[in-house]
Amino acid sequence: MYYNQSGTAKGAHYGSGHRHALIRSTQRAAVNIYKTDNSYEMLVFAPGRIKDNFQLNVKGTELTVSYLPPEGFPRPEWVRREYSRGAFERTFTLDETIDAKSISAKYEDGVLQVTLPLIPGKETTSQEIKVS
């Protein structure tokens, strides 16, 4: 499985002589992926979200995982904010080993777990490339 990121990540903003502030993008949610014997498991770290507002779509070879908070979602005056509960979208490219019709997802304890089943007998080949 291959993956890429959708959206632009914001970096550190440096003011003129002022202490820099870290700007977090609402376009991102951290993702970890691991492989089992018969699937890839994608863990999308998205605490404080509402399960019904996640959307997963497969179009061609691309899987898009997104979240849009409901209208009127409270936006407090943050004193300190280290993560966002807002909208995000991530896009991943699926290879021919993934059974796209059997992808499933569940949201539990702030983590969206997406199961990407492998098609039996369809294995990717690997090749070691020497660095010169």
C-alpha atoms as a PDB file:
ATOM      1  CA  MET A   1       0.000   0.000   0.000  1.00  0.00           C
ATOM      2  CA  TYR A   2       1.213   3.476  -0.826  1.00  0.00           C
ATOM      3  CA  TYR A   3       0.053   6.676   0.770  1.00  0.00           C
ATOM      4  CA  ASN A   4       0.303  10.392   0.296  1.00  0.00           C
ATOM      5  CA  GLN A   5      -1.028  13.394   2.158  1.00  0.00           C
ATOM      6  CA  SER A   6      -3.752  15.732   1.054  1.00  0.00           C
ATOM      7  CA  GLY A   7      -3.708  19.393   2.049  1.00  0.00           C
ATOM      8  CA  THR A   8      -0.867  21.580   3.137  1.00  0.00           C
ATOM      9  CA  ALA A   9       0.701  21.376   6.568  1.00  0.00           C
ATOM     10  CA  LYS A  10       1.427  24.615   8.339  1.00  0.00           C
ATOM     11  CA  GLY A  11       4.791  25.097   9.983  1.00  0.00           C
ATOM     12  CA  ALA A  12       6.192  27.410  12.577  1.00  0.00           C
ATOM     13  CA  HIS A  13       5.452  31.106  12.195  1.00  0.00           C
ATOM     14  CA  TYR A  14       8.240  33.469  13.178  1.00  0.00           C
ATOM     15  CA  GLY A  15       7.274  37.026  13.983  1.00  0.00           C
ATOM     16  CA  SER A  16       9.673  39.959  13.988  1.00  0.00           C
ATOM     17  CA  GLY A  17      11.436  39.603  17.322  1.00  0.00           C
ATOM     18  CA  HIS A  18       8.501  37.774  18.890  1.00  0.00           C
ATOM     19  CA  ARG A  19       8.552  34.243  20.210  1.00  0.00           C
ATOM     20  CA  HIS A  20       7.371  31.870  17.489  1.00  0.00           C
ATOM     21  CA  ALA A  21       4.010  30.147  17.752  1.00  0.00           C
ATOM     22  CA  LEU A  22       3.252  26.737  16.329  1.00  0.00           C
ATOM     23  CA  ILE A  23       0.381  26.843  13.900  1.00  0.00           C
ATOM     24  CA  ARG A  24      -1.523  23.566  13.583  1.00  0.00           C
ATOM     25  CA  SER A  25      -3.349  22.763  10.383  1.00  0.00           C
ATOM     26  CA  THR A  26      -6.913  21.477  10.503  1.00  0.00           C
ATOM     27  CA  GLN A  27      -6.104  19.592   7.291  1.00  0.00           C
ATOM     28  CA  ARG A  28      -4.243  16.837   9.134  1.00  0.00           C
ATOM     29  CA  ALA A  29      -4.875  13.903  11.414  1.00  0.00           C
ATOM     30  CA  ALA A  30      -2.010  11.627  12.417  1.00  0.00           C
ATOM     31  CA  VAL A  31      -2.087   8.202  10.739  1.00  0.00           C
ATOM     32  CA  ASN A  32      -0.195   5.001  11.537  1.00  0.00           C
ATOM     33  CA  ILE A  33      -0.383   1.952   9.256  1.00  0.00           C
ATOM     34  CA  TYR A  34       0.700  -1.589   9.998  1.00  0.00           C
ATOM     35  CA  LYS A  35       0.410  -4.851   8.082  1.00  0.00           C
ATOM     36  CA  THR A  36      -1.051  -8.122   9.313  1.00  0.00           C
ATOM     37  CA  ASP A  37      -1.100 -11.465   7.493  1.00  0.00           C
ATOM     38  CA  ASN A  38      -4.310 -10.578   5.649  1.00  0.00           C
ATOM     39  CA  SER A  39      -4.761  -6.784   5.821  1.00  0.00           C
ATOM     40  CA  TYR A  40      -3.306  -3.364   6.328  1.00  0.00           C
ATOM     41  CA  GLU A  41      -4.616  -1.634   9.444  1.00  0.00           C
ATOM     42  CA  MET A  42      -4.776   2.149   9.352  1.00  0.00           C
ATOM     43  CA  LEU A  43      -5.137   4.025  12.637  1.00  0.00           C
ATOM     44  CA  VAL A  44      -6.337   7.621  12.216  1.00  0.00           C
ATOM     45  CA  PHE A  45      -5.816   9.492  15.478  1.00  0.00           C
ATOM     46  CA  ALA A  46      -8.827  11.785  15.769  1.00  0.00           C
ATOM     47  CA  PRO A  47      -9.857  12.346  19.400  1.00  0.00           C
ATOM     48  CA  GLY A  48     -12.998  14.263  20.271  1.00  0.00           C
ATOM     49  CA  ARG A  49     -14.738  13.637  16.951  1.00  0.00           C
ATOM     50  CA  ILE A  50     -18.291  12.428  16.304  1.00  0.00           C
ATOM     51  CA  LYS A  51     -18.410   8.981  14.654  1.00  0.00           C
ATOM     52  CA  ASP A  52     -21.203   9.873  12.216  1.00  0.00           C
ATOM     53  CA  ASN A  53     -19.205  12.776  10.742  1.00  0.00           C
ATOM     54  CA  PHE A  54     -16.387  10.640   9.310  1.00  0.00           C
ATOM     55  CA  GLN A  55     -16.529   9.861   5.622  1.00  0.00           C
ATOM     56  CA  LEU A  56     -14.524   7.245   3.716  1.00  0.00           C
ATOM     57  CA  ASN A  57     -14.649   7.076  -0.067  1.00  0.00           C
ATOM     58  CA  VAL A  58     -12.832   4.971  -2.634  1.00  0.00           C
ATOM     59  CA  LYS A  59     -12.562   6.404  -6.129  1.00  0.00           C
ATOM     60  CA  GLY A  60     -10.382   4.418  -8.509  1.00  0.00           C
ATOM     61  CA  THR A  61      -7.225   3.646  -6.565  1.00  0.00           C
ATOM     62  CA  GLU A  62      -7.605   6.446  -4.003  1.00  0.00           C
ATOM     63  CA  LEU A  63      -9.060   6.145  -0.522  1.00  0.00           C
ATOM     64  CA  THR A  64     -10.084   9.443   1.066  1.00  0.00           C
ATOM     65  CA  VAL A  65     -10.699   9.652   4.809  1.00  0.00           C
ATOM     66  CA  SER A  66     -12.301  12.899   5.934  1.00  0.00           C
ATOM     67  CA  TYR A  67     -14.105  14.492   8.842  1.00  0.00           C
ATOM     68  CA  LEU A  68     -16.394  17.513   8.922  1.00  0.00           C
ATOM     69  CA  PRO A  69     -17.714  18.727  12.288  1.00  0.00           C
ATOM     70  CA  PRO A  70     -21.436  19.456  12.534  1.00  0.00           C
ATOM     71  CA  GLU A  71     -22.862  22.949  12.108  1.00  0.00           C
ATOM     72  CA  GLY A  72     -22.706  24.918  15.336  1.00  0.00           C
ATOM     73  CA  PHE A  73     -19.811  22.855  16.732  1.00  0.00           C
ATOM     74  CA  PRO A  74     -18.528  24.896  19.728  1.00  0.00           C
ATOM     75  CA  ARG A  75     -15.294  26.841  19.211  1.00  0.00           C
ATOM     76  CA  PRO A  76     -14.042  27.912  22.628  1.00  0.00           C
ATOM     77  CA  GLU A  77     -11.594  30.731  23.250  1.00  0.00           C
ATOM     78  CA  TRP A  78      -8.541  28.501  23.625  1.00  0.00           C
ATOM     79  CA  VAL A  79      -5.930  29.378  26.239  1.00  0.00           C
ATOM     80  CA  ARG A  80      -3.752  26.563  24.897  1.00  0.00           C
ATOM     81  CA  ARG A  81      -4.528  24.230  22.021  1.00  0.00           C
ATOM     82  CA  GLU A  82      -2.283  21.327  20.980  1.00  0.00           C
ATOM     83  CA  TYR A  83      -4.624  19.493  18.636  1.00  0.00           C
ATOM     84  CA  SER A  84      -7.649  20.305  16.550  1.00  0.00           C
ATOM     85  CA  ARG A  85     -11.060  18.662  16.627  1.00  0.00           C
ATOM     86  CA  GLY A  86     -11.914  20.277  13.319  1.00  0.00           C
ATOM     87  CA  ALA A  87     -12.194  19.115   9.744  1.00  0.00           C
ATOM     88  CA  PHE A  88      -9.518  17.118   7.983  1.00  0.00           C
ATOM     89  CA  GLU A  89      -8.997  15.129   4.809  1.00  0.00           C
ATOM     90  CA  ARG A  90      -6.343  12.525   4.024  1.00  0.00           C
ATOM     91  CA  THR A  91      -5.923  10.686   0.715  1.00  0.00           C
ATOM     92  CA  PHE A  92      -4.160   7.346   0.280  1.00  0.00           C
ATOM     93  CA  THR A  93      -3.307   5.489  -2.927  1.00  0.00           C
ATOM     94  CA  LEU A  94      -4.281   1.821  -2.863  1.00  0.00           C
ATOM     95  CA  ASP A  95      -2.315  -0.751  -4.830  1.00  0.00           C
ATOM     96  CA  GLU A  96      -3.660  -3.859  -6.561  1.00  0.00           C
ATOM     97  CA  THR A  97      -3.226  -6.008  -3.414  1.00  0.00           C
ATOM     98  CA  ILE A  98      -6.080  -4.235  -1.550  1.00  0.00           C
ATOM     99  CA  ASP A  99      -9.670  -5.513  -1.778  1.00  0.00           C
ATOM    100  CA  ALA A 100     -11.275  -2.056  -1.999  1.00  0.00           C
ATOM    101  CA  LYS A 101     -14.832  -3.451  -1.880  1.00  0.00           C
ATOM    102  CA  SER A 102     -14.187  -5.002   1.561  1.00  0.00           C
ATOM    103  CA  ILE A 103     -12.673  -1.989   3.371  1.00  0.00           C
ATOM    104  CA  SER A 104     -14.258  -1.461   6.788  1.00  0.00           C
ATOM    105  CA  ALA A 105     -13.895   1.107   9.579  1.00  0.00           C
ATOM    106  CA  LYS A 106     -14.755   1.607  13.231  1.00  0.00           C
ATOM    107  CA  TYR A 107     -14.255   4.565  15.581  1.00  0.00           C
ATOM    108  CA  GLU A 108     -13.376   3.800  19.180  1.00  0.00           C
ATOM    109  CA  ASP A 109     -11.513   5.686  21.922  1.00  0.00           C
ATOM    110  CA  GLY A 110     -10.572   8.561  19.596  1.00  0.00           C
ATOM    111  CA  VAL A 111      -9.069   6.332  16.909  1.00  0.00           C
ATOM    112  CA  LEU A 112     -10.642   5.562  13.547  1.00  0.00           C
ATOM    113  CA  GLN A 113      -9.433   2.067  12.589  1.00  0.00           C
ATOM    114  CA  VAL A 114      -9.668   1.336   8.876  1.00  0.00           C
ATOM    115  CA  THR A 115      -9.155  -2.282   7.781  1.00  0.00           C
ATOM    116  CA  LEU A 116      -7.832  -2.690   4.251  1.00  0.00           C
ATOM    117  CA  PRO A 117      -8.119  -6.418   3.422  1.00  0.00           C
ATOM    118  CA  LEU A 118      -5.510  -7.992   1.158  1.00  0.00           C
ATOM    119  CA  ILE A 119      -6.559 -10.026  -1.875  1.00  0.00           C
ATOM    120  CA  PRO A 120      -5.242 -13.565  -1.296  1.00  0.00           C
ATOM    121  CA  GLY A 121      -2.444 -14.420  -3.728  1.00  0.00           C
ATOM    122  CA  LYS A 122      -1.827 -10.789  -4.729  1.00  0.00           C
ATOM    123  CA  GLU A 123       1.481  -9.928  -3.155  1.00  0.00           C
ATOM    124  CA  THR A 124       3.662  -6.986  -3.960  1.00  0.00           C
ATOM    125  CA  THR A 125       7.223  -7.689  -4.925  1.00  0.00           C
ATOM    126  CA  SER A 126      10.040  -5.929  -3.199  1.00  0.00           C
ATOM    127  CA  GLN A 127      13.402  -4.943  -4.560  1.00  0.00           C
ATOM    128  CA  GLU A 128      16.417  -3.781  -2.641  1.00  0.00           C
ATOM    129  CA  ILE A 129      18.130  -0.746  -4.132  1.00  0.00           C
ATOM    130  CA  LYS A 130      21.777  -0.195  -3.308  1.00  0.00           C
ATOM    131  CA  VAL A 131      22.800   3.314  -2.335  1.00  0.00           C
ATOM    132  CA  SER A 132      26.058   4.334  -3.991  1.00  0.00           C
END
